[in-house]
Amino acid sequence: MTPKRIIILILAALFGAFITQNFEAVSVRFLFWKTQASQSLILLGVFFVGVILGLIAGRVTKKVESPPASTGE
């Protein structure tokens, strides 16, 4: 197991412990929208949005940095 994978597993376990301890209901207001939800659900939602945005940003930078394809000439 690589050190990177071990660090990811440790961080995931810490995040899971943090999520399980935050089940109280909180009020969320965004612009004209207001709702109440479990704090753990909000944290999970924000986490997954961050992961998705990180993956998208990683793909965009890989496309920008890649050298142009050769035409064989």
N, C-alpha and C. Protein backbone atom coordinates (compact mmCIF):
# COMPACT_ATOMS: atom_id res chain seq x y z
N MET A 1 0.85 -1.17 0.00
CA MET A 1 0.00 0.00 0.00
C MET A 1 0.90 1.24 0.00
N THR A 2 0.60 2.15 -0.89
CA THR A 2 1.43 3.35 -1.04
C THR A 2 1.15 4.35 0.08
N PRO A 3 2.10 5.21 0.37
CA PRO A 3 1.88 6.24 1.40
C PRO A 3 0.71 7.16 1.07
N LYS A 4 0.52 7.45 -0.21
CA LYS A 4 -0.60 8.31 -0.62
C LYS A 4 -1.93 7.65 -0.26
N ARG A 5 -2.05 6.36 -0.50
CA ARG A 5 -3.28 5.65 -0.20
C ARG A 5 -3.53 5.58 1.31
N ILE A 6 -2.47 5.42 2.09
CA ILE A 6 -2.60 5.38 3.54
C ILE A 6 -3.09 6.73 4.06
N ILE A 7 -2.53 7.82 3.54
CA ILE A 7 -2.95 9.15 3.96
C ILE A 7 -4.41 9.40 3.59
N ILE A 8 -4.82 8.96 2.40
CA ILE A 8 -6.21 9.12 1.98
C ILE A 8 -7.14 8.34 2.89
N LEU A 9 -6.77 7.12 3.27
CA LEU A 9 -7.60 6.32 4.16
C LEU A 9 -7.71 6.94 5.55
N ILE A 10 -6.61 7.48 6.06
CA ILE A 10 -6.63 8.14 7.37
C ILE A 10 -7.53 9.37 7.34
N LEU A 11 -7.38 10.19 6.29
CA LEU A 11 -8.22 11.38 6.17
C LEU A 11 -9.70 11.01 6.00
N ALA A 12 -9.98 9.95 5.27
CA ALA A 12 -11.37 9.51 5.10
C ALA A 12 -11.95 9.04 6.43
N ALA A 13 -11.16 8.33 7.22
CA ALA A 13 -11.63 7.87 8.53
C ALA A 13 -11.89 9.05 9.46
N LEU A 14 -11.00 10.03 9.46
CA LEU A 14 -11.20 11.23 10.28
C LEU A 14 -12.43 12.01 9.84
N PHE A 15 -12.62 12.13 8.54
CA PHE A 15 -13.79 12.83 8.01
C PHE A 15 -15.07 12.07 8.39
N GLY A 16 -15.04 10.75 8.30
CA GLY A 16 -16.20 9.94 8.68
C GLY A 16 -16.54 10.11 10.16
N ALA A 17 -15.53 10.14 11.01
CA ALA A 17 -15.76 10.34 12.44
C ALA A 17 -16.35 11.73 12.69
N PHE A 18 -15.86 12.73 11.98
CA PHE A 18 -16.36 14.09 12.12
C PHE A 18 -17.81 14.18 11.69
N ILE A 19 -18.15 13.53 10.61
CA ILE A 19 -19.52 13.54 10.09
C ILE A 19 -20.48 12.88 11.07
N THR A 20 -20.08 11.74 11.63
CA THR A 20 -20.99 11.01 12.52
C THR A 20 -21.26 11.77 13.81
N GLN A 21 -20.41 12.71 14.18
CA GLN A 21 -20.61 13.46 15.42
C GLN A 21 -21.39 14.75 15.20
N ASN A 22 -21.78 15.07 13.99
CA ASN A 22 -22.47 16.32 13.70
C ASN A 22 -23.84 16.06 13.07
N PHE A 23 -24.77 15.57 13.89
CA PHE A 23 -26.09 15.24 13.38
C PHE A 23 -27.15 16.28 13.73
N GLU A 24 -26.80 17.36 14.40
CA GLU A 24 -27.81 18.33 14.79
C GLU A 24 -28.33 19.09 13.57
N ALA A 25 -29.56 19.53 13.66
CA ALA A 25 -30.18 20.27 12.56
C ALA A 25 -29.69 21.71 12.56
N VAL A 26 -29.39 22.21 11.39
CA VAL A 26 -28.95 23.59 11.24
C VAL A 26 -29.77 24.25 10.14
N SER A 27 -29.83 25.57 10.19
CA SER A 27 -30.55 26.34 9.20
C SER A 27 -29.56 26.82 8.14
N VAL A 28 -29.91 26.62 6.89
CA VAL A 28 -29.05 27.03 5.78
C VAL A 28 -29.80 28.08 4.97
N ARG A 29 -29.14 29.23 4.78
CA ARG A 29 -29.73 30.30 3.97
C ARG A 29 -28.78 30.62 2.84
N PHE A 30 -29.33 30.66 1.62
CA PHE A 30 -28.55 31.01 0.44
C PHE A 30 -29.42 31.89 -0.44
N LEU A 31 -29.02 33.13 -0.59
CA LEU A 31 -29.79 34.14 -1.31
C LEU A 31 -31.22 34.22 -0.75
N PHE A 32 -32.23 33.81 -1.50
CA PHE A 32 -33.61 33.87 -1.03
C PHE A 32 -34.13 32.51 -0.60
N TRP A 33 -33.27 31.55 -0.49
CA TRP A 33 -33.63 30.18 -0.19
C TRP A 33 -33.23 29.85 1.23
N LYS A 34 -34.11 29.21 2.00
CA LYS A 34 -33.81 28.85 3.38
C LYS A 34 -34.37 27.46 3.66
N THR A 35 -33.57 26.62 4.32
CA THR A 35 -34.00 25.29 4.67
C THR A 35 -33.27 24.83 5.91
N GLN A 36 -33.75 23.77 6.52
CA GLN A 36 -33.07 23.14 7.64
C GLN A 36 -32.68 21.73 7.24
N ALA A 37 -31.49 21.34 7.63
CA ALA A 37 -31.01 20.01 7.29
C ALA A 37 -30.01 19.57 8.35
N SER A 38 -29.72 18.30 8.36
CA SER A 38 -28.72 17.76 9.26
C SER A 38 -27.35 18.31 8.86
N GLN A 39 -26.57 18.71 9.85
CA GLN A 39 -25.25 19.27 9.57
C GLN A 39 -24.37 18.25 8.85
N SER A 40 -24.54 16.97 9.18
CA SER A 40 -23.73 15.94 8.52
C SER A 40 -24.07 15.84 7.04
N LEU A 41 -25.34 15.98 6.69
CA LEU A 41 -25.72 15.93 5.27
C LEU A 41 -25.16 17.11 4.51
N ILE A 42 -25.18 18.28 5.14
CA ILE A 42 -24.62 19.47 4.50
C ILE A 42 -23.12 19.29 4.28
N LEU A 43 -22.43 18.77 5.29
CA LEU A 43 -20.98 18.56 5.16
C LEU A 43 -20.66 17.54 4.07
N LEU A 44 -21.44 16.46 4.01
CA LEU A 44 -21.22 15.47 2.95
C LEU A 44 -21.48 16.08 1.57
N GLY A 45 -22.53 16.86 1.45
CA GLY A 45 -22.83 17.50 0.17
C GLY A 45 -21.73 18.44 -0.27
N VAL A 46 -21.24 19.26 0.64
CA VAL A 46 -20.16 20.19 0.31
C VAL A 46 -18.89 19.42 -0.05
N PHE A 47 -18.63 18.33 0.67
CA PHE A 47 -17.45 17.51 0.38
C PHE A 47 -17.52 16.95 -1.04
N PHE A 48 -18.67 16.37 -1.42
CA PHE A 48 -18.78 15.77 -2.74
C PHE A 48 -18.76 16.82 -3.85
N VAL A 49 -19.32 17.99 -3.59
CA VAL A 49 -19.23 19.07 -4.58
C VAL A 49 -17.77 19.46 -4.78
N GLY A 50 -17.02 19.54 -3.68
CA GLY A 50 -15.59 19.86 -3.76
C GLY A 50 -14.81 18.81 -4.52
N VAL A 51 -15.12 17.54 -4.29
CA VAL A 51 -14.43 16.45 -5.01
C VAL A 51 -14.72 16.55 -6.51
N ILE A 52 -15.97 16.77 -6.85
CA ILE A 52 -16.34 16.87 -8.27
C ILE A 52 -15.65 18.06 -8.93
N LEU A 53 -15.66 19.22 -8.25
CA LEU A 53 -14.99 20.39 -8.81
C LEU A 53 -13.48 20.18 -8.92
N GLY A 54 -12.89 19.48 -7.96
CA GLY A 54 -11.47 19.16 -8.04
C GLY A 54 -11.14 18.26 -9.21
N LEU A 55 -11.99 17.26 -9.45
CA LEU A 55 -11.77 16.37 -10.60
C LEU A 55 -11.90 17.14 -11.91
N ILE A 56 -12.89 18.00 -11.99
CA ILE A 56 -13.07 18.80 -13.21
C ILE A 56 -11.87 19.72 -13.43
N ALA A 57 -11.42 20.38 -12.37
CA ALA A 57 -10.27 21.27 -12.48
C ALA A 57 -9.01 20.49 -12.88
N GLY A 58 -8.85 19.29 -12.37
CA GLY A 58 -7.71 18.47 -12.75
C GLY A 58 -7.72 18.08 -14.21
N ARG A 59 -8.89 17.79 -14.73
CA ARG A 59 -9.00 17.43 -16.15
C ARG A 59 -8.72 18.63 -17.05
N VAL A 60 -9.20 19.79 -16.63
CA VAL A 60 -9.00 20.99 -17.45
C VAL A 60 -7.52 21.33 -17.51
N THR A 61 -6.81 21.26 -16.38
CA THR A 61 -5.39 21.60 -16.39
C THR A 61 -4.58 20.57 -17.16
N LYS A 62 -4.98 19.31 -17.13
CA LYS A 62 -4.27 18.29 -17.92
C LYS A 62 -4.42 18.56 -19.41
N LYS A 63 -5.60 18.98 -19.84
CA LYS A 63 -5.82 19.27 -21.25
C LYS A 63 -5.02 20.49 -21.69
N VAL A 64 -4.92 21.48 -20.83
CA VAL A 64 -4.19 22.71 -21.17
C VAL A 64 -2.69 22.43 -21.25
N GLU A 65 -2.16 21.60 -20.34
CA GLU A 65 -0.72 21.34 -20.28
C GLU A 65 -0.24 20.30 -21.29
N SER A 66 -1.13 19.51 -21.86
CA SER A 66 -0.69 18.45 -22.76
C SER A 66 -0.16 19.05 -24.06
N PRO A 67 0.94 18.47 -24.59
CA PRO A 67 1.50 18.98 -25.84
C PRO A 67 0.57 18.66 -27.01
N PRO A 68 0.64 19.43 -28.07
CA PRO A 68 -0.22 19.15 -29.23
C PRO A 68 0.15 17.80 -29.85
N ALA A 69 -0.84 17.14 -30.36
CA ALA A 69 -0.64 15.84 -30.99
C ALA A 69 0.13 16.00 -32.30
N SER A 70 1.06 15.08 -32.54
CA SER A 70 1.82 15.17 -33.79
C SER A 70 0.99 14.58 -34.94
N THR A 71 1.20 15.11 -36.11
CA THR A 71 0.44 14.67 -37.28
C THR A 71 1.17 13.57 -38.05
N GLY A 72 2.39 13.22 -37.61
CA GLY A 72 3.13 12.17 -38.28
C GLY A 72 3.95 12.67 -39.45
N GLU A 73 4.07 13.94 -39.62
CA GLU A 73 4.85 14.48 -40.77
C GLU A 73 6.23 14.83 -40.35
